[in-house]
Amino acid sequence: MFSKGSKPNEEVSVEPPKMKTSNMPSIVSAGLQVTGNMTSDGDIQIEGTIVGDVKSRTVTIGLDGLVKGQVTAEIAQVSGSVEGKVRAKTIVVVASARILGDIIHDVLTVEPGAHVEGALKRYSKPEAVRVETRPNGAGKETPDVKPVPGAKVEPVTAIGSKSGRPN
């Protein structure tokens, strides 16, 4: 403030701090309802309700979390509820989960006690699921999981089910 050599009318340039990319997930807290699609190039943790589609690198749906729409990710872990299709390379369905919709996956883990109503479809080759990014208009890229053209999708039947459909 009072140093030798400082001039009283000298302008000081202050630059805003540069934003660092965080490894912290975007969180939809319990009690919060979001209506509309959510897209992130990072991780999304859902403890509240999303009425719309969710696209992200990693999606975690907590015990009280609910998604009414499609979930698209590289990795999806469902402990809560999804009313719509779940599409990801790796999907973990925890015992407390309730999914009403098809599951399209490469690697699928379903814990005993999980409730799944819908078709289970596995891409026949790991490279059949491709995660691409595309500009989202805000200077960032959005992940988009797509099947490779010509890739074969195989239905998977539930173990212990006489009809081949989940209990």
Protein backbone atom coordinates (compact mmCIF):
# COMPACT_ATOMS: atom_id res chain seq x y z
CA MET A 1 0.00 0.00 0.00
CA PHE A 2 2.69 2.54 1.02
CA SER A 3 5.83 1.43 -0.71
CA LYS A 4 8.60 3.34 -2.36
CA GLY A 5 8.19 3.61 -6.07
CA SER A 6 4.41 3.34 -6.18
CA LYS A 7 2.68 6.06 -8.09
CA PRO A 8 -0.62 7.43 -6.79
CA ASN A 9 -2.43 7.32 -10.17
CA GLU A 10 -1.05 3.97 -11.33
CA GLU A 11 -3.76 1.59 -12.53
CA VAL A 12 -3.72 -1.88 -11.07
CA SER A 13 -4.80 -4.72 -13.33
CA VAL A 14 -6.65 -7.47 -11.53
CA GLU A 15 -7.42 -10.63 -13.47
CA PRO A 16 -10.12 -13.00 -12.27
CA PRO A 17 -8.75 -16.38 -11.14
CA LYS A 18 -8.75 -19.01 -13.87
CA MET A 19 -11.32 -21.74 -13.40
CA LYS A 20 -9.85 -25.17 -12.82
CA THR A 21 -11.60 -28.27 -13.99
CA SER A 22 -12.84 -30.03 -10.88
CA ASN A 23 -13.04 -33.74 -10.28
CA MET A 24 -16.02 -33.08 -8.01
CA PRO A 25 -19.34 -34.41 -9.30
CA SER A 26 -22.30 -32.23 -10.10
CA ILE A 27 -24.86 -33.06 -7.41
CA VAL A 28 -28.64 -32.95 -7.54
CA SER A 29 -29.41 -32.88 -3.82
CA ALA A 30 -32.24 -34.70 -2.08
CA GLY A 31 -35.43 -32.66 -2.21
CA LEU A 32 -34.42 -30.95 -5.47
CA GLN A 33 -36.40 -31.65 -8.65
CA VAL A 34 -34.94 -30.70 -12.02
CA THR A 35 -37.18 -30.69 -15.07
CA GLY A 36 -35.17 -30.85 -18.28
CA ASN A 37 -32.20 -32.71 -19.69
CA MET A 38 -28.85 -32.75 -17.87
CA THR A 39 -25.57 -33.08 -19.74
CA SER A 40 -22.08 -33.03 -18.28
CA ASP A 41 -18.58 -33.95 -19.41
CA GLY A 42 -17.80 -35.05 -15.84
CA ASP A 43 -19.67 -36.92 -13.14
CA ILE A 44 -23.26 -36.47 -11.99
CA GLN A 45 -24.59 -37.67 -8.65
CA ILE A 46 -28.38 -37.71 -8.31
CA GLU A 47 -29.99 -37.76 -4.87
CA GLY A 48 -33.10 -35.82 -5.94
CA THR A 49 -35.36 -36.12 -9.00
CA ILE A 50 -34.58 -35.50 -12.68
CA VAL A 51 -37.49 -35.39 -15.12
CA GLY A 52 -35.56 -35.61 -18.37
CA ASP A 53 -32.57 -37.36 -19.92
CA VAL A 54 -29.16 -37.52 -18.22
CA LYS A 55 -25.90 -37.80 -20.21
CA SER A 56 -22.53 -37.86 -18.52
CA ARG A 57 -19.25 -39.70 -18.21
CA THR A 58 -20.31 -41.20 -14.86
CA VAL A 59 -23.84 -41.17 -13.43
CA THR A 60 -24.52 -42.23 -9.84
CA ILE A 61 -28.14 -42.44 -8.71
CA GLY A 62 -28.38 -42.49 -4.92
CA LEU A 63 -30.89 -44.37 -2.74
CA ASP A 64 -33.51 -41.62 -2.97
CA GLY A 65 -32.54 -40.54 -6.49
CA LEU A 66 -35.04 -40.79 -9.34
CA VAL A 67 -34.57 -40.27 -13.08
CA LYS A 68 -37.67 -40.18 -15.28
CA GLY A 69 -35.91 -40.36 -18.63
CA GLN A 70 -32.97 -41.99 -20.36
CA VAL A 71 -29.58 -42.35 -18.65
CA THR A 72 -26.55 -42.43 -20.97
CA ALA A 73 -23.02 -42.76 -19.60
CA GLU A 74 -19.75 -44.64 -19.70
CA ILE A 75 -20.35 -45.83 -16.13
CA ALA A 76 -23.73 -45.87 -14.38
CA GLN A 77 -24.42 -46.97 -10.80
CA VAL A 78 -28.06 -47.18 -9.79
CA SER A 79 -29.08 -47.41 -6.14
CA GLY A 80 -32.34 -45.49 -6.57
CA SER A 81 -34.93 -45.50 -9.37
CA VAL A 82 -34.91 -45.04 -13.13
CA GLU A 83 -38.05 -44.91 -15.24
CA GLY A 84 -36.50 -45.14 -18.70
CA LYS A 85 -33.67 -46.72 -20.63
CA VAL A 86 -30.18 -47.04 -19.10
CA ARG A 87 -27.34 -47.20 -21.64
CA ALA A 88 -23.70 -47.43 -20.54
CA LYS A 89 -20.51 -49.43 -21.02
CA THR A 90 -20.54 -50.49 -17.36
CA ILE A 91 -23.70 -50.62 -15.27
CA VAL A 92 -23.95 -51.55 -11.58
CA VAL A 93 -27.48 -52.13 -10.29
CA VAL A 94 -27.44 -52.17 -6.47
CA ALA A 95 -29.88 -54.26 -4.39
CA SER A 96 -31.99 -51.19 -3.54
CA ALA A 97 -32.39 -50.18 -7.22
CA ARG A 98 -35.59 -50.12 -9.23
CA ILE A 99 -35.31 -49.82 -13.02
CA LEU A 100 -38.39 -49.71 -15.25
CA GLY A 101 -36.87 -49.76 -18.72
CA ASP A 102 -34.35 -51.47 -20.95
CA ILE A 103 -30.69 -51.78 -19.98
CA ILE A 104 -28.10 -51.66 -22.78
CA HIS A 105 -24.60 -52.45 -21.57
CA ASP A 106 -21.23 -54.06 -22.12
CA VAL A 107 -20.59 -55.03 -18.48
CA LEU A 108 -23.57 -55.48 -16.16
CA THR A 109 -23.66 -56.23 -12.44
CA VAL A 110 -27.03 -56.78 -10.75
CA GLU A 111 -27.07 -57.38 -7.01
CA PRO A 112 -29.68 -59.76 -5.53
CA GLY A 113 -32.80 -57.85 -4.55
CA ALA A 114 -32.62 -55.29 -7.37
CA HIS A 115 -35.87 -54.77 -9.28
CA VAL A 116 -35.51 -54.59 -13.08
CA GLU A 117 -38.45 -54.56 -15.50
CA GLY A 118 -37.25 -54.39 -19.07
CA ALA A 119 -35.01 -56.04 -21.60
CA LEU A 120 -31.33 -56.56 -20.88
CA LYS A 121 -29.29 -56.09 -24.04
CA ARG A 122 -25.55 -56.60 -24.25
CA TYR A 123 -23.44 -55.29 -27.06
CA SER A 124 -21.73 -58.33 -28.56
CA LYS A 125 -18.33 -56.67 -28.66
CA PRO A 126 -16.84 -54.19 -26.16
CA GLU A 127 -15.94 -51.90 -29.05
CA ALA A 128 -19.61 -51.86 -30.08
CA VAL A 129 -20.23 -49.03 -27.60
CA ARG A 130 -18.48 -45.81 -28.54
CA VAL A 131 -18.38 -42.68 -26.42
CA GLU A 132 -18.05 -39.58 -28.55
CA THR A 133 -18.01 -35.95 -27.60
CA ARG A 134 -19.76 -33.20 -29.46
CA PRO A 135 -19.81 -29.43 -28.96
CA ASN A 136 -22.66 -28.33 -26.73
CA GLY A 137 -22.64 -24.66 -27.71
CA ALA A 138 -21.07 -23.48 -24.45
CA GLY A 139 -17.49 -24.13 -25.53
CA LYS A 140 -17.45 -27.57 -23.93
CA GLU A 141 -17.95 -31.04 -25.29
CA THR A 142 -20.74 -33.38 -24.32
CA PRO A 143 -20.27 -37.17 -24.08
CA ASP A 144 -22.56 -39.22 -26.25
CA VAL A 145 -22.65 -43.02 -26.03
CA LYS A 146 -23.62 -44.58 -29.35
CA PRO A 147 -23.61 -48.07 -30.81
CA VAL A 148 -21.10 -48.60 -33.58
CA PRO A 149 -22.95 -49.00 -36.90
CA GLY A 150 -23.41 -52.67 -37.69
CA ALA A 151 -22.71 -53.79 -34.11
CA LYS A 152 -24.85 -56.68 -32.96
CA VAL A 153 -26.90 -56.23 -29.79
CA GLU A 154 -27.65 -59.50 -27.97
CA PRO A 155 -30.54 -59.91 -25.51
CA VAL A 156 -29.58 -61.28 -22.10
CA THR A 157 -31.96 -63.38 -20.00
CA ALA A 158 -32.14 -63.20 -16.24
CA ILE A 159 -30.74 -66.14 -14.30
CA GLY A 160 -33.35 -67.97 -12.20
CA SER A 161 -36.30 -66.69 -14.22
CA LYS A 162 -38.46 -69.26 -16.02
CA SER A 163 -39.73 -66.74 -18.54
CA GLY A 164 -36.33 -65.19 -19.21
CA ARG A 165 -37.63 -61.89 -17.81
CA PRO A 166 -36.50 -60.43 -14.50
CA ASN A 167 -38.57 -61.21 -11.40
